[in-house]
N, C-alpha and C. Protein backbone atom coordinates (compact mmCIF):
# COMPACT_ATOMS: atom_id res chain seq x y z
N MET A 1 -141.68 -61.01 -19.86
CA MET A 1 -141.26 -61.70 -18.65
C MET A 1 -141.23 -60.67 -17.51
N SER A 2 -141.56 -61.09 -16.33
CA SER A 2 -141.55 -60.18 -15.18
C SER A 2 -140.12 -59.85 -14.78
N ALA A 3 -139.96 -58.76 -14.05
CA ALA A 3 -138.62 -58.38 -13.58
C ALA A 3 -138.01 -59.49 -12.74
N HIS A 4 -138.83 -60.15 -11.93
CA HIS A 4 -138.33 -61.24 -11.09
C HIS A 4 -137.86 -62.39 -11.97
N GLY A 5 -138.66 -62.74 -12.97
CA GLY A 5 -138.32 -63.84 -13.87
C GLY A 5 -137.13 -63.55 -14.75
N ASP A 6 -136.92 -62.27 -15.08
CA ASP A 6 -135.79 -61.89 -15.92
C ASP A 6 -134.46 -62.27 -15.29
N TYR A 7 -134.40 -62.33 -13.98
CA TYR A 7 -133.16 -62.61 -13.27
C TYR A 7 -133.04 -64.08 -12.83
N ALA A 8 -134.00 -64.91 -13.21
CA ALA A 8 -134.02 -66.31 -12.75
C ALA A 8 -132.78 -67.09 -13.20
N GLN A 9 -132.38 -66.93 -14.46
CA GLN A 9 -131.22 -67.67 -14.95
C GLN A 9 -129.94 -67.22 -14.24
N TRP A 10 -129.81 -65.92 -14.04
CA TRP A 10 -128.64 -65.38 -13.33
C TRP A 10 -128.59 -65.93 -11.91
N ARG A 11 -129.74 -65.92 -11.22
CA ARG A 11 -129.78 -66.46 -9.85
C ARG A 11 -129.42 -67.95 -9.82
N LEU A 12 -129.93 -68.68 -10.78
CA LEU A 12 -129.61 -70.11 -10.87
C LEU A 12 -128.10 -70.30 -11.07
N ALA A 13 -127.49 -69.53 -11.93
CA ALA A 13 -126.05 -69.64 -12.15
C ALA A 13 -125.27 -69.30 -10.89
N LEU A 14 -125.70 -68.26 -10.16
CA LEU A 14 -125.02 -67.91 -8.91
C LEU A 14 -125.11 -69.01 -7.87
N ALA A 15 -126.22 -69.74 -7.90
CA ALA A 15 -126.43 -70.82 -6.94
C ALA A 15 -125.71 -72.11 -7.35
N GLY A 16 -124.98 -72.08 -8.46
CA GLY A 16 -124.23 -73.26 -8.88
C GLY A 16 -124.96 -74.10 -9.91
N GLY A 17 -126.13 -73.66 -10.35
CA GLY A 17 -126.87 -74.38 -11.37
C GLY A 17 -126.27 -74.18 -12.74
N LYS A 18 -126.82 -74.86 -13.70
CA LYS A 18 -126.32 -74.79 -15.08
C LYS A 18 -127.45 -74.34 -16.01
N PRO A 19 -127.79 -73.05 -15.96
CA PRO A 19 -128.84 -72.57 -16.87
C PRO A 19 -128.36 -72.61 -18.32
N GLU A 20 -129.30 -72.73 -19.22
CA GLU A 20 -128.97 -72.79 -20.63
C GLU A 20 -128.42 -71.44 -21.11
N LEU A 21 -127.30 -71.50 -21.80
CA LEU A 21 -126.68 -70.29 -22.36
C LEU A 21 -126.91 -70.27 -23.87
N LEU A 22 -127.62 -69.28 -24.33
CA LEU A 22 -127.83 -69.09 -25.76
C LEU A 22 -127.27 -67.72 -26.14
N LEU A 23 -126.49 -67.65 -27.20
CA LEU A 23 -125.84 -66.40 -27.58
C LEU A 23 -126.83 -65.31 -27.97
N ASN A 24 -128.02 -65.68 -28.40
CA ASN A 24 -128.99 -64.68 -28.81
C ASN A 24 -130.05 -64.39 -27.74
N ARG A 25 -129.82 -64.87 -26.51
CA ARG A 25 -130.76 -64.65 -25.42
C ARG A 25 -130.05 -64.25 -24.13
N PRO A 26 -129.67 -62.99 -24.01
CA PRO A 26 -128.99 -62.55 -22.78
C PRO A 26 -129.92 -62.64 -21.57
N TRP A 27 -129.34 -62.95 -20.43
CA TRP A 27 -130.08 -62.91 -19.17
C TRP A 27 -129.88 -61.54 -18.55
N CYS A 28 -130.82 -61.16 -17.74
CA CYS A 28 -130.63 -59.98 -16.89
C CYS A 28 -129.81 -60.40 -15.69
N GLY A 29 -128.89 -59.55 -15.28
CA GLY A 29 -128.07 -59.86 -14.11
C GLY A 29 -126.80 -59.05 -14.11
N TYR A 30 -125.89 -59.45 -13.25
CA TYR A 30 -124.62 -58.76 -13.04
C TYR A 30 -123.50 -59.72 -13.37
N PHE A 31 -122.49 -59.22 -14.07
CA PHE A 31 -121.45 -60.09 -14.61
C PHE A 31 -120.10 -59.40 -14.57
N ALA A 32 -119.07 -60.20 -14.77
CA ALA A 32 -117.72 -59.69 -15.00
C ALA A 32 -117.38 -60.00 -16.45
N THR A 33 -116.64 -59.12 -17.07
CA THR A 33 -116.21 -59.33 -18.44
C THR A 33 -114.79 -58.80 -18.60
N GLN A 34 -114.09 -59.29 -19.58
CA GLN A 34 -112.72 -58.82 -19.80
C GLN A 34 -112.72 -57.42 -20.37
N ASP A 35 -111.79 -56.62 -19.89
CA ASP A 35 -111.60 -55.26 -20.40
C ASP A 35 -110.55 -55.32 -21.50
N ARG A 36 -110.99 -55.50 -22.71
CA ARG A 36 -110.07 -55.62 -23.83
C ARG A 36 -109.58 -54.26 -24.33
N THR A 37 -110.05 -53.20 -23.70
CA THR A 37 -109.56 -51.86 -24.06
C THR A 37 -108.39 -51.45 -23.18
N SER A 38 -108.11 -52.24 -22.18
CA SER A 38 -107.04 -51.91 -21.24
C SER A 38 -105.68 -51.95 -21.91
N THR A 39 -104.81 -51.06 -21.48
CA THR A 39 -103.43 -51.08 -21.97
C THR A 39 -102.53 -51.89 -21.05
N VAL A 40 -103.12 -52.49 -20.01
CA VAL A 40 -102.35 -53.30 -19.08
C VAL A 40 -101.83 -54.54 -19.80
N LYS A 41 -100.54 -54.75 -19.73
CA LYS A 41 -99.93 -55.92 -20.35
C LYS A 41 -99.83 -57.01 -19.29
N ALA A 42 -100.61 -58.05 -19.50
CA ALA A 42 -100.63 -59.16 -18.55
C ALA A 42 -101.02 -60.43 -19.30
N ALA A 43 -100.94 -61.54 -18.59
CA ALA A 43 -101.31 -62.81 -19.21
C ALA A 43 -102.80 -62.84 -19.56
N ARG A 44 -103.59 -62.11 -18.78
CA ARG A 44 -105.03 -62.05 -19.01
C ARG A 44 -105.49 -60.61 -18.98
N TRP A 45 -106.53 -60.32 -19.75
CA TRP A 45 -107.14 -59.00 -19.68
C TRP A 45 -107.80 -58.85 -18.31
N PRO A 46 -107.75 -57.67 -17.70
CA PRO A 46 -108.42 -57.48 -16.41
C PRO A 46 -109.93 -57.60 -16.54
N LEU A 47 -110.58 -57.99 -15.46
CA LEU A 47 -112.04 -58.11 -15.45
C LEU A 47 -112.67 -56.82 -14.95
N ILE A 48 -113.78 -56.47 -15.56
CA ILE A 48 -114.57 -55.30 -15.16
C ILE A 48 -116.02 -55.74 -14.99
N ALA A 49 -116.80 -54.92 -14.32
CA ALA A 49 -118.21 -55.24 -14.05
C ALA A 49 -119.11 -54.76 -15.18
N CYS A 50 -120.18 -55.52 -15.40
CA CYS A 50 -121.21 -55.11 -16.35
C CYS A 50 -122.56 -55.62 -15.87
N ALA A 51 -123.62 -55.09 -16.44
CA ALA A 51 -124.98 -55.48 -16.06
C ALA A 51 -125.88 -55.46 -17.28
N ILE A 52 -126.89 -56.31 -17.24
CA ILE A 52 -127.93 -56.35 -18.27
C ILE A 52 -129.26 -56.32 -17.54
N TRP A 53 -130.19 -55.50 -18.00
CA TRP A 53 -131.51 -55.38 -17.37
C TRP A 53 -132.54 -54.97 -18.40
N ARG A 54 -133.80 -54.97 -17.99
CA ARG A 54 -134.88 -54.48 -18.84
C ARG A 54 -135.32 -53.12 -18.34
N ASP A 55 -135.53 -52.20 -19.27
CA ASP A 55 -136.02 -50.88 -18.88
C ASP A 55 -137.53 -50.92 -18.68
N GLU A 56 -138.11 -49.79 -18.36
CA GLU A 56 -139.55 -49.72 -18.06
C GLU A 56 -140.42 -50.12 -19.24
N ASN A 57 -139.87 -50.12 -20.46
CA ASN A 57 -140.61 -50.53 -21.65
C ASN A 57 -140.35 -51.99 -22.03
N GLY A 58 -139.52 -52.67 -21.27
CA GLY A 58 -139.23 -54.07 -21.53
C GLY A 58 -138.04 -54.30 -22.46
N ALA A 59 -137.39 -53.24 -22.91
CA ALA A 59 -136.23 -53.38 -23.79
C ALA A 59 -134.99 -53.74 -22.97
N LEU A 60 -134.16 -54.60 -23.52
CA LEU A 60 -132.90 -54.94 -22.85
C LEU A 60 -131.94 -53.77 -22.93
N ARG A 61 -131.29 -53.50 -21.82
CA ARG A 61 -130.27 -52.46 -21.72
C ARG A 61 -129.04 -53.09 -21.06
N ALA A 62 -127.90 -52.44 -21.24
CA ALA A 62 -126.67 -52.95 -20.62
C ALA A 62 -125.72 -51.79 -20.35
N GLU A 63 -124.82 -52.05 -19.41
CA GLU A 63 -123.71 -51.15 -19.15
C GLU A 63 -122.48 -52.00 -18.93
N ARG A 64 -121.35 -51.44 -19.33
CA ARG A 64 -120.06 -52.11 -19.17
C ARG A 64 -119.12 -51.08 -18.58
N ALA A 65 -118.68 -51.31 -17.35
CA ALA A 65 -117.81 -50.37 -16.64
C ALA A 65 -118.43 -48.98 -16.56
N GLY A 66 -119.76 -48.94 -16.37
CA GLY A 66 -120.45 -47.68 -16.20
C GLY A 66 -120.86 -46.98 -17.48
N LYS A 67 -120.52 -47.54 -18.62
CA LYS A 67 -120.86 -46.92 -19.91
C LYS A 67 -121.91 -47.76 -20.61
N PRO A 68 -122.87 -47.11 -21.29
CA PRO A 68 -123.88 -47.88 -22.01
C PRO A 68 -123.25 -48.85 -23.01
N ALA A 69 -123.86 -50.01 -23.13
CA ALA A 69 -123.37 -51.04 -24.04
C ALA A 69 -124.56 -51.75 -24.67
N ASP A 70 -124.32 -52.40 -25.76
CA ASP A 70 -125.35 -53.21 -26.42
C ASP A 70 -125.37 -54.58 -25.73
N PRO A 71 -126.51 -55.00 -25.18
CA PRO A 71 -126.56 -56.29 -24.49
C PRO A 71 -126.11 -57.46 -25.36
N MET A 72 -126.45 -57.42 -26.64
CA MET A 72 -126.05 -58.51 -27.53
C MET A 72 -124.54 -58.53 -27.76
N ASP A 73 -123.92 -57.36 -27.75
CA ASP A 73 -122.47 -57.29 -27.97
C ASP A 73 -121.67 -57.81 -26.77
N ILE A 74 -122.15 -57.56 -25.56
CA ILE A 74 -121.37 -57.98 -24.38
C ILE A 74 -121.74 -59.37 -23.88
N TRP A 75 -122.92 -59.86 -24.24
CA TRP A 75 -123.42 -61.12 -23.68
C TRP A 75 -122.45 -62.27 -23.85
N GLN A 76 -121.92 -62.49 -25.02
CA GLN A 76 -121.05 -63.65 -25.24
C GLN A 76 -119.78 -63.58 -24.40
N TYR A 77 -119.40 -62.40 -23.97
CA TYR A 77 -118.17 -62.24 -23.19
C TYR A 77 -118.41 -62.30 -21.68
N CYS A 78 -119.64 -62.04 -21.25
CA CYS A 78 -119.90 -62.02 -19.81
C CYS A 78 -120.76 -63.18 -19.32
N ALA A 79 -121.41 -63.89 -20.22
CA ALA A 79 -122.38 -64.92 -19.84
C ALA A 79 -121.84 -65.96 -18.86
N SER A 80 -120.60 -66.32 -19.00
CA SER A 80 -120.02 -67.38 -18.15
C SER A 80 -119.44 -66.84 -16.85
N ARG A 81 -119.63 -65.52 -16.59
CA ARG A 81 -119.06 -64.94 -15.37
C ARG A 81 -120.10 -64.17 -14.56
N PRO A 82 -121.17 -64.82 -14.11
CA PRO A 82 -122.13 -64.10 -13.26
C PRO A 82 -121.49 -63.76 -11.92
N ILE A 83 -121.83 -62.60 -11.39
CA ILE A 83 -121.32 -62.17 -10.08
C ILE A 83 -122.49 -61.66 -9.25
N THR A 84 -122.29 -61.58 -7.95
CA THR A 84 -123.33 -61.06 -7.08
C THR A 84 -123.47 -59.55 -7.29
N TYR A 85 -124.62 -59.04 -6.89
CA TYR A 85 -124.84 -57.60 -6.96
C TYR A 85 -123.83 -56.87 -6.08
N GLU A 86 -123.48 -57.47 -4.95
CA GLU A 86 -122.52 -56.85 -4.03
C GLU A 86 -121.14 -56.68 -4.68
N ARG A 87 -120.68 -57.71 -5.41
CA ARG A 87 -119.40 -57.60 -6.12
C ARG A 87 -119.47 -56.54 -7.21
N TYR A 88 -120.60 -56.51 -7.91
CA TYR A 88 -120.83 -55.51 -8.95
C TYR A 88 -120.73 -54.10 -8.35
N GLN A 89 -121.42 -53.87 -7.24
CA GLN A 89 -121.40 -52.57 -6.58
C GLN A 89 -119.99 -52.21 -6.10
N PHE A 90 -119.31 -53.18 -5.50
CA PHE A 90 -117.96 -52.94 -5.01
C PHE A 90 -117.05 -52.50 -6.16
N TRP A 91 -117.14 -53.20 -7.28
CA TRP A 91 -116.30 -52.84 -8.42
C TRP A 91 -116.59 -51.40 -8.86
N HIS A 92 -117.86 -51.04 -8.95
CA HIS A 92 -118.21 -49.69 -9.39
C HIS A 92 -117.76 -48.62 -8.39
N GLU A 93 -117.76 -48.94 -7.14
CA GLU A 93 -117.33 -47.97 -6.13
C GLU A 93 -115.81 -47.84 -6.04
N ASN A 94 -115.10 -48.91 -6.37
CA ASN A 94 -113.65 -48.94 -6.16
C ASN A 94 -112.80 -49.18 -7.41
N HIS A 95 -113.42 -49.55 -8.50
CA HIS A 95 -112.73 -49.91 -9.74
C HIS A 95 -111.70 -51.01 -9.54
N LYS A 96 -112.01 -51.87 -8.60
CA LYS A 96 -111.25 -53.10 -8.37
C LYS A 96 -112.18 -54.07 -7.65
N TRP A 97 -111.79 -55.31 -7.62
CA TRP A 97 -112.60 -56.35 -6.96
C TRP A 97 -112.23 -56.43 -5.49
N PRO A 98 -113.12 -56.97 -4.65
CA PRO A 98 -112.85 -57.02 -3.20
C PRO A 98 -111.51 -57.69 -2.87
N GLU A 99 -111.18 -58.78 -3.55
CA GLU A 99 -109.92 -59.47 -3.25
C GLU A 99 -108.71 -58.64 -3.65
N GLU A 100 -108.85 -57.77 -4.65
CA GLU A 100 -107.75 -56.87 -5.02
C GLU A 100 -107.58 -55.78 -3.97
N ALA A 101 -108.69 -55.32 -3.42
CA ALA A 101 -108.63 -54.29 -2.38
C ALA A 101 -108.00 -54.85 -1.10
N GLU A 102 -108.28 -56.11 -0.78
CA GLU A 102 -107.71 -56.73 0.42
C GLU A 102 -106.20 -56.92 0.29
N ALA A 103 -105.73 -57.12 -0.93
CA ALA A 103 -104.30 -57.36 -1.17
C ALA A 103 -103.47 -56.08 -1.05
N THR A 104 -104.13 -54.93 -1.08
CA THR A 104 -103.36 -53.68 -1.02
C THR A 104 -103.34 -53.11 0.38
């Protein structure tokens, strides 16, 4: 699949569409996922940024909070939370989401 086509499902989800979600077929894109390694005690685990993409050889790659991750391992946790590239970048630059930064 072309690099442009790899992101089609993610773009559709961002636009409010309902792309098919299959646990064994990760999409390329930018997502939020729960940080289950956090020691923060709250009603919900905090959200962190992650991404899935294809490398120059066509293999799926992923990162979760800036650390390499297995795309198949994170997909089921991030698939329902697509985010814009801008939100992804903001999180990586600030380690918080834009709305959290505005609140402080």
